[in-house]
Amino acid sequence: MPILRNLGRAASQLLQSSGCGCGVSIVPVRCIGVSPRQVASDASFHSVTFSESDHPRVLITGGLGQLGVGLAKLLRKRFGKNNVILSDIRKPADNVFYSGPFIFADILDYKNLREIVVNNRITWLFHYSALLSAVGEANVPLARAVNITGLHNVLDIAAEHNLRLFVPSTIGAFGPTSPRDPTPDLCIQRPRTIYGVSKVHAELMGEYYHYRYGLDFRCLRYPGIISADSQPGGGTTDYAVKIFHDAIKTGKFKCYLRPDTRLPMMYIDDCLKATLEIMEAPAEALTMRTYNISAMSFTPEELAQEVQKYVPELEMTYNVDQVRQAIADSWPMNFDDSNARRDWGWKHDYDLPELVTTMFSYLGSDSRIAQAN
């Protein structure tokens, strides 16, 4: 498949590990042609449970993005350091490499990925490899290869080897015809980005594999995820991370969305907690395979007002990026996550004031922050 091989050369130019500007992390992948596999129509699959193994054996693809390293830390604390394998195709930083098992894994190399699962007796797989919204629109063929072909590889391997599979979705899975305030779990979606289309595809394929083959597929639609230890990298909601860095460094921030653009957001600790909770939830408690989760919803203007409590001299200006603004205008303003709260007890810890306080507690070494406090 020469097209996929040629796409690989573009990957190093366009891809970077990133924040979850629309719900998931970016992970670069080397593109290799792969042959399709078929799952036997009469196959019967089941997930390994804790009664069969003391702890799950975990593989995280796309592990050097915004969420992978934090998730690995959380899971290693719970299940043991050597039971959680972080993977990517890039060289990790020393602190990541020495913090626990790390392995090269290319999601477009089916044979390599299958060997990793078999050789390491993997029972849980977290699939974080994807291109974010704005980056995906800049290279649709590459986004299609990574977000869709890579997903197919993961689905087939998870079904074949009885894995419990988590694939994140996002607010980007909705479109301009979706109800926006609030957006329920089940409604018309019709996204207008390749990222969103690939996420709807992932939701439906995962649900199909669950009902057709018994695959234990679980999925959360993430809002915009905010964390202190990652840099913005191509997501539409990344302004909510960048404002903190710019406020500390220069006291000035130029926002690429309108001041009244309301989007659902979440602090990374809540996101990771929800991800572990959905994976540990009893199968019989789940009434669906894909859930909305949310914590807060705010506009750039509201965020700036909260940030100015710590950096009073922050100068906020707006230079609207029409591409990102159009994407944001097609997304939910508020998530209805009542099903997650009912079925498996989801409850967030961070609202906007707690979010801003926590971000500055990690980033705020600047004298202006100390003076404000």
Foldseek 3Di string as FASTA:
>chain_A
DVVQQVVQVCQVVQFDAFACLFFFTAAGARGDADDADDDDQPAAFAADDCVNPVAFQEEEESLRHPQNQVLLVVVCVVGNQASYEYEGQDDDDPVSVVSHHYDYDGLNPLVRVLCVCVVRVGAEYEYRHADAFQSCQVPVVSRCCGLAVSLSSVLVSCLVSRHQYEYEAGLQLAFQPADFVAGEPDDHRDGDTSNNVSRVVSQVVQQCCCVRHVRNYAYEHAGREEEQPGQHDGHLNRLLHVLLVCCQPPLEDEAQEDQALKTFYAYSVLVSVLVVQRSPADPVLDPGRYFYDGDEMHGNNVLVVLLCLQRVSRHYHYDHDVVSHNSSSTGHNHYDRVSCCPRRNRDGDDYSNNRSVVSCVVVVPHPSRVVSD
